Amino acid sequence: MSEIPGDLKFQKSHEWVRIEEDGRARVGISDHAQGLLGDLVYVELPKVGDKVEAGAGCAVVESVKAASDVYAPVSGEVVEVNEGLADKPETINEDAFGDGWLFVIKLSDPDEVDALLGPDDYQELIESDED
């Protein structure tokens, strides 16, 4: 089982959010999710300037096993994408909570962050999934 960084918030569908000093939200998929998917071979990211809604699909990660939608954990405008994933999607497998981030959102409603799971609640969620 991987360690869950204490500065992250999570969506039940296994996306993580890190609120940065400038108030923007960096988004990725959890180490647990990448482990379930297996070796990632392709990532389709939103475009800079796209508007995303919390809970709506906005990206796709594809592994040797399956393709999976990535849902925006918060609403706002995509202001940055991790372009390095186009050439090296396995970065998500190697460092899901670090260099494997997917995109950055300028929040339209910062209060949405409060509705996400904290690290302890997310840990309980994945442990209950394993039962």
N, C-alpha and C. Protein backbone atom coordinates (compact mmCIF):
# COMPACT_ATOMS: atom_id res chain seq x y z
N MET A 1 0.84 -1.18 0.00
CA MET A 1 0.00 0.00 0.00
C MET A 1 0.88 1.24 0.00
N SER A 2 0.50 2.22 -0.78
CA SER A 2 1.30 3.43 -0.90
C SER A 2 0.97 4.41 0.21
N GLU A 3 1.89 5.29 0.46
CA GLU A 3 1.66 6.34 1.44
C GLU A 3 0.86 7.45 0.78
N ILE A 4 -0.07 8.03 1.51
CA ILE A 4 -0.90 9.09 0.98
C ILE A 4 -0.41 10.42 1.54
N PRO A 5 0.04 11.33 0.66
CA PRO A 5 0.51 12.63 1.16
C PRO A 5 -0.59 13.38 1.92
N GLY A 6 -0.21 14.00 3.03
CA GLY A 6 -1.18 14.66 3.89
C GLY A 6 -1.71 15.98 3.36
N ASP A 7 -1.10 16.52 2.29
CA ASP A 7 -1.54 17.82 1.78
C ASP A 7 -2.52 17.69 0.62
N LEU A 8 -3.01 16.48 0.37
CA LEU A 8 -3.90 16.27 -0.77
C LEU A 8 -5.35 16.09 -0.32
N LYS A 9 -6.26 16.36 -1.25
CA LYS A 9 -7.68 16.06 -1.10
C LYS A 9 -8.02 15.09 -2.23
N PHE A 10 -9.03 14.29 -2.03
CA PHE A 10 -9.35 13.24 -2.99
C PHE A 10 -10.82 13.22 -3.35
N GLN A 11 -11.06 12.77 -4.56
CA GLN A 11 -12.42 12.50 -5.02
C GLN A 11 -12.60 10.99 -4.91
N LYS A 12 -13.83 10.54 -4.68
CA LYS A 12 -14.08 9.11 -4.52
C LYS A 12 -13.66 8.31 -5.75
N SER A 13 -13.62 8.96 -6.91
CA SER A 13 -13.21 8.28 -8.15
C SER A 13 -11.68 8.28 -8.31
N HIS A 14 -10.95 8.58 -7.24
CA HIS A 14 -9.49 8.41 -7.12
C HIS A 14 -8.64 9.50 -7.78
N GLU A 15 -9.22 10.68 -8.04
CA GLU A 15 -8.40 11.81 -8.46
C GLU A 15 -7.94 12.54 -7.19
N TRP A 16 -6.73 13.09 -7.25
CA TRP A 16 -6.25 13.90 -6.12
C TRP A 16 -6.13 15.36 -6.54
N VAL A 17 -6.16 16.24 -5.53
CA VAL A 17 -6.01 17.68 -5.73
C VAL A 17 -5.00 18.21 -4.72
N ARG A 18 -4.07 18.99 -5.18
CA ARG A 18 -3.15 19.70 -4.28
C ARG A 18 -3.37 21.19 -4.53
N ILE A 19 -3.79 21.91 -3.50
CA ILE A 19 -3.98 23.35 -3.62
C ILE A 19 -2.61 24.01 -3.44
N GLU A 20 -2.21 24.76 -4.46
CA GLU A 20 -0.89 25.37 -4.45
C GLU A 20 -0.95 26.76 -3.82
N GLU A 21 0.22 27.34 -3.58
CA GLU A 21 0.29 28.63 -2.89
C GLU A 21 -0.49 29.73 -3.60
N ASP A 22 -0.56 29.66 -4.93
CA ASP A 22 -1.29 30.68 -5.68
C ASP A 22 -2.79 30.38 -5.78
N GLY A 23 -3.25 29.33 -5.08
CA GLY A 23 -4.67 29.01 -5.06
C GLY A 23 -5.13 28.11 -6.19
N ARG A 24 -4.24 27.78 -7.11
CA ARG A 24 -4.61 26.88 -8.19
C ARG A 24 -4.60 25.44 -7.68
N ALA A 25 -5.29 24.54 -8.40
CA ALA A 25 -5.40 23.15 -7.98
C ALA A 25 -4.68 22.25 -8.97
N ARG A 26 -3.65 21.55 -8.50
CA ARG A 26 -2.96 20.56 -9.33
C ARG A 26 -3.69 19.24 -9.15
N VAL A 27 -3.93 18.52 -10.25
CA VAL A 27 -4.78 17.33 -10.24
C VAL A 27 -4.01 16.14 -10.81
N GLY A 28 -4.24 14.98 -10.22
CA GLY A 28 -3.69 13.74 -10.73
C GLY A 28 -4.58 12.58 -10.32
N ILE A 29 -4.15 11.36 -10.64
CA ILE A 29 -4.86 10.18 -10.14
C ILE A 29 -4.01 9.56 -9.05
N SER A 30 -4.67 8.89 -8.12
CA SER A 30 -3.95 8.38 -6.95
C SER A 30 -3.05 7.20 -7.30
N ASP A 31 -2.14 6.94 -6.41
CA ASP A 31 -1.26 5.79 -6.56
C ASP A 31 -2.08 4.50 -6.58
N HIS A 32 -3.13 4.46 -5.77
CA HIS A 32 -4.03 3.31 -5.74
C HIS A 32 -4.66 3.09 -7.12
N ALA A 33 -5.14 4.18 -7.73
CA ALA A 33 -5.80 4.07 -9.04
C ALA A 33 -4.82 3.61 -10.12
N GLN A 34 -3.61 4.18 -10.14
CA GLN A 34 -2.66 3.75 -11.16
C GLN A 34 -2.29 2.28 -10.97
N GLY A 35 -2.26 1.84 -9.72
CA GLY A 35 -1.96 0.44 -9.45
C GLY A 35 -3.04 -0.49 -9.98
N LEU A 36 -4.29 -0.06 -9.84
CA LEU A 36 -5.40 -0.86 -10.36
C LEU A 36 -5.38 -0.91 -11.88
N LEU A 37 -5.02 0.20 -12.51
CA LEU A 37 -5.01 0.26 -13.97
C LEU A 37 -3.86 -0.54 -14.57
N GLY A 38 -2.74 -0.56 -13.90
CA GLY A 38 -1.56 -1.24 -14.45
C GLY A 38 -0.74 -0.27 -15.29
N ASP A 39 0.08 -0.81 -16.18
CA ASP A 39 1.01 0.00 -16.96
C ASP A 39 0.26 0.93 -17.91
N LEU A 40 0.43 2.23 -17.69
CA LEU A 40 -0.26 3.22 -18.52
C LEU A 40 0.48 3.41 -19.84
N VAL A 41 -0.28 3.48 -20.92
CA VAL A 41 0.31 3.58 -22.26
C VAL A 41 -0.12 4.83 -23.01
N TYR A 42 -1.15 5.53 -22.52
CA TYR A 42 -1.66 6.70 -23.22
C TYR A 42 -2.42 7.59 -22.25
N VAL A 43 -2.29 8.90 -22.42
CA VAL A 43 -3.02 9.85 -21.60
C VAL A 43 -3.59 10.93 -22.51
N GLU A 44 -4.88 11.17 -22.40
CA GLU A 44 -5.53 12.26 -23.15
C GLU A 44 -5.90 13.33 -22.14
N LEU A 45 -5.28 14.49 -22.26
CA LEU A 45 -5.49 15.57 -21.31
C LEU A 45 -6.42 16.64 -21.89
N PRO A 46 -7.05 17.43 -21.00
CA PRO A 46 -7.82 18.57 -21.51
C PRO A 46 -6.85 19.60 -22.10
N LYS A 47 -7.39 20.59 -22.78
CA LYS A 47 -6.56 21.64 -23.36
C LYS A 47 -6.52 22.85 -22.41
N VAL A 48 -5.42 23.56 -22.42
CA VAL A 48 -5.34 24.80 -21.66
C VAL A 48 -6.45 25.73 -22.16
N GLY A 49 -7.19 26.27 -21.23
CA GLY A 49 -8.31 27.14 -21.57
C GLY A 49 -9.66 26.45 -21.47
N ASP A 50 -9.66 25.10 -21.43
CA ASP A 50 -10.92 24.37 -21.28
C ASP A 50 -11.54 24.69 -19.92
N LYS A 51 -12.85 24.78 -19.91
CA LYS A 51 -13.59 24.92 -18.65
C LYS A 51 -14.03 23.52 -18.23
N VAL A 52 -13.81 23.18 -16.96
CA VAL A 52 -14.21 21.87 -16.45
C VAL A 52 -15.17 22.05 -15.28
N GLU A 53 -16.06 21.08 -15.13
CA GLU A 53 -17.03 21.09 -14.04
C GLU A 53 -16.71 19.95 -13.08
N ALA A 54 -16.81 20.19 -11.79
CA ALA A 54 -16.57 19.15 -10.79
C ALA A 54 -17.44 17.94 -11.08
N GLY A 55 -16.80 16.79 -11.12
CA GLY A 55 -17.52 15.54 -11.34
C GLY A 55 -17.67 15.14 -12.79
N ALA A 56 -17.30 16.01 -13.72
CA ALA A 56 -17.43 15.71 -15.15
C ALA A 56 -16.11 15.15 -15.69
N GLY A 57 -16.21 14.23 -16.61
CA GLY A 57 -15.02 13.65 -17.23
C GLY A 57 -14.29 14.70 -18.05
N CYS A 58 -12.96 14.75 -17.94
CA CYS A 58 -12.21 15.76 -18.68
C CYS A 58 -10.88 15.23 -19.22
N ALA A 59 -10.54 13.98 -18.90
CA ALA A 59 -9.30 13.38 -19.39
C ALA A 59 -9.50 11.87 -19.43
N VAL A 60 -8.57 11.19 -20.09
CA VAL A 60 -8.63 9.73 -20.17
C VAL A 60 -7.22 9.18 -19.93
N VAL A 61 -7.13 8.13 -19.13
CA VAL A 61 -5.87 7.40 -19.00
C VAL A 61 -6.13 5.99 -19.50
N GLU A 62 -5.19 5.49 -20.30
CA GLU A 62 -5.37 4.17 -20.90
C GLU A 62 -4.19 3.30 -20.52
N SER A 63 -4.51 2.10 -20.07
CA SER A 63 -3.46 1.16 -19.69
C SER A 63 -3.53 -0.06 -20.59
N VAL A 64 -2.66 -1.00 -20.34
CA VAL A 64 -2.71 -2.25 -21.10
C VAL A 64 -3.98 -3.02 -20.76
N LYS A 65 -4.63 -2.69 -19.64
CA LYS A 65 -5.84 -3.39 -19.21
C LYS A 65 -7.12 -2.72 -19.71
N ALA A 66 -7.18 -1.36 -19.62
CA ALA A 66 -8.44 -0.66 -19.89
C ALA A 66 -8.20 0.84 -20.02
N ALA A 67 -9.19 1.53 -20.53
CA ALA A 67 -9.18 3.00 -20.53
C ALA A 67 -10.10 3.46 -19.41
N SER A 68 -9.74 4.57 -18.78
CA SER A 68 -10.54 5.07 -17.67
C SER A 68 -10.67 6.58 -17.77
N ASP A 69 -11.88 7.09 -17.58
CA ASP A 69 -12.09 8.53 -17.55
C ASP A 69 -11.50 9.11 -16.27
N VAL A 70 -11.02 10.34 -16.39
CA VAL A 70 -10.57 11.10 -15.23
C VAL A 70 -11.57 12.23 -15.05
N TYR A 71 -12.11 12.35 -13.84
CA TYR A 71 -13.13 13.35 -13.55
C TYR A 71 -12.52 14.55 -12.84
N ALA A 72 -12.95 15.72 -13.23
CA ALA A 72 -12.46 16.94 -12.58
C ALA A 72 -12.95 16.95 -11.14
N PRO A 73 -12.06 17.05 -10.17
CA PRO A 73 -12.50 17.09 -8.77
C PRO A 73 -13.07 18.44 -8.38
N VAL A 74 -12.72 19.48 -9.13
CA VAL A 74 -13.20 20.85 -8.86
C VAL A 74 -13.49 21.54 -10.19
N SER A 75 -14.27 22.60 -10.13
CA SER A 75 -14.62 23.34 -11.34
C SER A 75 -13.64 24.48 -11.58
N GLY A 76 -13.48 24.84 -12.84
CA GLY A 76 -12.64 25.97 -13.17
C GLY A 76 -12.08 25.88 -14.56
N GLU A 77 -11.01 26.64 -14.80
CA GLU A 77 -10.36 26.68 -16.10
C GLU A 77 -9.01 25.96 -16.04
N VAL A 78 -8.76 25.10 -17.02
CA VAL A 78 -7.47 24.43 -17.11
C VAL A 78 -6.43 25.46 -17.53
N VAL A 79 -5.40 25.64 -16.71
CA VAL A 79 -4.39 26.66 -17.00
C VAL A 79 -3.02 26.04 -17.32
N GLU A 80 -2.89 24.73 -17.11
CA GLU A 80 -1.62 24.06 -17.40
C GLU A 80 -1.89 22.57 -17.52
N VAL A 81 -1.19 21.91 -18.44
CA VAL A 81 -1.27 20.45 -18.55
C VAL A 81 0.15 19.89 -18.50
N ASN A 82 0.27 18.65 -18.09
CA ASN A 82 1.57 17.98 -18.00
C ASN A 82 1.89 17.38 -19.36
N GLU A 83 2.50 18.19 -20.21
CA GLU A 83 2.77 17.78 -21.59
C GLU A 83 3.76 16.62 -21.68
N GLY A 84 4.56 16.44 -20.65
CA GLY A 84 5.52 15.35 -20.65
C GLY A 84 4.88 13.98 -20.66
N LEU A 85 3.60 13.90 -20.25
CA LEU A 85 2.92 12.61 -20.22
C LEU A 85 2.63 12.06 -21.61
N ALA A 86 2.60 12.93 -22.63
CA ALA A 86 2.34 12.46 -23.99
C ALA A 86 3.42 11.48 -24.45
N ASP A 87 4.66 11.78 -24.09
CA ASP A 87 5.77 10.92 -24.46
C ASP A 87 6.08 9.86 -23.41
N LYS A 88 5.64 10.11 -22.18
CA LYS A 88 6.01 9.20 -21.10
C LYS A 88 4.85 9.03 -20.11
N PRO A 89 3.75 8.38 -20.55
CA PRO A 89 2.61 8.22 -19.65
C PRO A 89 2.93 7.37 -18.41
N GLU A 90 3.96 6.55 -18.50
CA GLU A 90 4.32 5.71 -17.36
C GLU A 90 4.82 6.54 -16.17
N THR A 91 5.03 7.83 -16.37
CA THR A 91 5.40 8.71 -15.26
C THR A 91 4.34 8.63 -14.16
N ILE A 92 3.09 8.44 -14.55
CA ILE A 92 2.01 8.32 -13.55
C ILE A 92 2.22 7.08 -12.70
N ASN A 93 2.63 5.97 -13.33
CA ASN A 93 2.91 4.75 -12.58
C ASN A 93 4.08 4.94 -11.62
N GLU A 94 5.06 5.71 -12.08
CA GLU A 94 6.29 5.87 -11.30
C GLU A 94 6.16 6.88 -10.16
N ASP A 95 5.33 7.92 -10.34
CA ASP A 95 5.26 8.99 -9.35
C ASP A 95 3.88 9.66 -9.42
N ALA A 96 2.85 8.92 -9.02
CA ALA A 96 1.47 9.39 -9.17
C ALA A 96 1.19 10.69 -8.42
N PHE A 97 1.83 10.88 -7.28
CA PHE A 97 1.57 12.08 -6.48
C PHE A 97 2.56 13.21 -6.76
N GLY A 98 3.50 13.00 -7.67
CA GLY A 98 4.52 14.01 -7.96
C GLY A 98 4.54 14.36 -9.43
N ASP A 99 5.58 13.88 -10.14
CA ASP A 99 5.75 14.21 -11.56
C ASP A 99 4.62 13.67 -12.44
N GLY A 100 3.80 12.77 -11.93
CA GLY A 100 2.71 12.21 -12.71
C GLY A 100 1.41 13.00 -12.65
N TRP A 101 1.50 14.26 -12.22
CA TRP A 101 0.29 15.10 -12.21
C TRP A 101 -0.25 15.25 -13.62
N LEU A 102 -1.55 15.58 -13.74
CA LEU A 102 -2.20 15.65 -15.06
C LEU A 102 -2.41 17.08 -15.55
N PHE A 103 -3.06 17.91 -14.72
CA PHE A 103 -3.36 19.27 -15.16
C PHE A 103 -3.59 20.17 -13.95
N VAL A 104 -3.61 21.48 -14.21
CA VAL A 104 -3.80 22.48 -13.15
C VAL A 104 -5.05 23.28 -13.48
N ILE A 105 -5.88 23.49 -12.47
CA ILE A 105 -7.15 24.22 -12.63
C ILE A 105 -7.12 25.51 -11.83
N LYS A 106 -7.53 26.61 -12.47
CA LYS A 106 -7.80 27.86 -11.74
C LYS A 106 -9.22 27.73 -11.24
N LEU A 107 -9.38 27.66 -9.94
CA LEU A 107 -10.68 27.35 -9.34
C LEU A 107 -11.72 28.43 -9.61
N SER A 108 -12.92 28.00 -9.95
CA SER A 108 -14.03 28.95 -10.06
C SER A 108 -14.84 28.99 -8.76
N ASP A 109 -14.74 27.92 -7.94
CA ASP A 109 -15.45 27.87 -6.66
C ASP A 109 -14.56 27.15 -5.63
N PRO A 110 -13.70 27.89 -4.96
CA PRO A 110 -12.78 27.26 -4.00
C PRO A 110 -13.49 26.44 -2.92
N ASP A 111 -14.74 26.72 -2.63
CA ASP A 111 -15.46 25.96 -1.60
C ASP A 111 -15.64 24.49 -1.98
N GLU A 112 -15.54 24.18 -3.28
CA GLU A 112 -15.69 22.77 -3.71
C GLU A 112 -14.61 21.88 -3.11
N VAL A 113 -13.46 22.46 -2.80
CA VAL A 113 -12.36 21.69 -2.22
C VAL A 113 -12.79 21.08 -0.88
N ASP A 114 -13.61 21.81 -0.13
CA ASP A 114 -14.04 21.33 1.19
C ASP A 114 -14.89 20.06 1.10
N ALA A 115 -15.50 19.81 -0.05
CA ALA A 115 -16.35 18.64 -0.20
C ALA A 115 -15.55 17.38 -0.53
N LEU A 116 -14.26 17.53 -0.79
CA LEU A 116 -13.43 16.37 -1.15
C LEU A 116 -12.96 15.65 0.12
N LEU A 117 -12.50 14.42 -0.07
CA LEU A 117 -12.04 13.60 1.05
C LEU A 117 -10.64 14.01 1.50
N GLY A 118 -10.42 14.02 2.80
CA GLY A 118 -9.07 14.21 3.33
C GLY A 118 -8.29 12.91 3.20
N PRO A 119 -6.98 12.94 3.47
CA PRO A 119 -6.16 11.73 3.32
C PRO A 119 -6.65 10.54 4.14
N ASP A 120 -7.07 10.78 5.39
CA ASP A 120 -7.53 9.66 6.23
C ASP A 120 -8.82 9.05 5.69
N ASP A 121 -9.74 9.91 5.25
CA ASP A 121 -11.01 9.41 4.69
C ASP A 121 -10.75 8.63 3.40
N TYR A 122 -9.79 9.12 2.59
CA TYR A 122 -9.47 8.42 1.35
C TYR A 122 -8.83 7.06 1.66
N GLN A 123 -7.97 7.03 2.66
CA GLN A 123 -7.35 5.75 3.07
C GLN A 123 -8.44 4.74 3.45
N GLU A 124 -9.43 5.20 4.21
CA GLU A 124 -10.53 4.31 4.60
C GLU A 124 -11.30 3.83 3.37
N LEU A 125 -11.49 4.72 2.40
CA LEU A 125 -12.23 4.36 1.18
C LEU A 125 -11.50 3.23 0.44
N ILE A 126 -10.20 3.37 0.24
CA ILE A 126 -9.50 2.34 -0.53
C ILE A 126 -9.37 1.04 0.27
N GLU A 127 -9.30 1.16 1.58
CA GLU A 127 -9.28 -0.08 2.39
C GLU A 127 -10.61 -0.80 2.31
N SER A 128 -11.71 -0.05 2.27
CA SER A 128 -13.02 -0.70 2.15
C SER A 128 -13.21 -1.29 0.76
N ASP A 129 -12.56 -0.69 -0.27
CA ASP A 129 -12.62 -1.25 -1.63
C ASP A 129 -11.90 -2.59 -1.70
N GLU A 130 -10.89 -2.76 -0.85
CA GLU A 130 -10.08 -3.97 -0.89
C GLU A 130 -10.74 -5.12 -0.14
N ASP A 131 -11.75 -4.81 0.67
CA ASP A 131 -12.44 -5.88 1.43
C ASP A 131 -13.26 -6.78 0.53
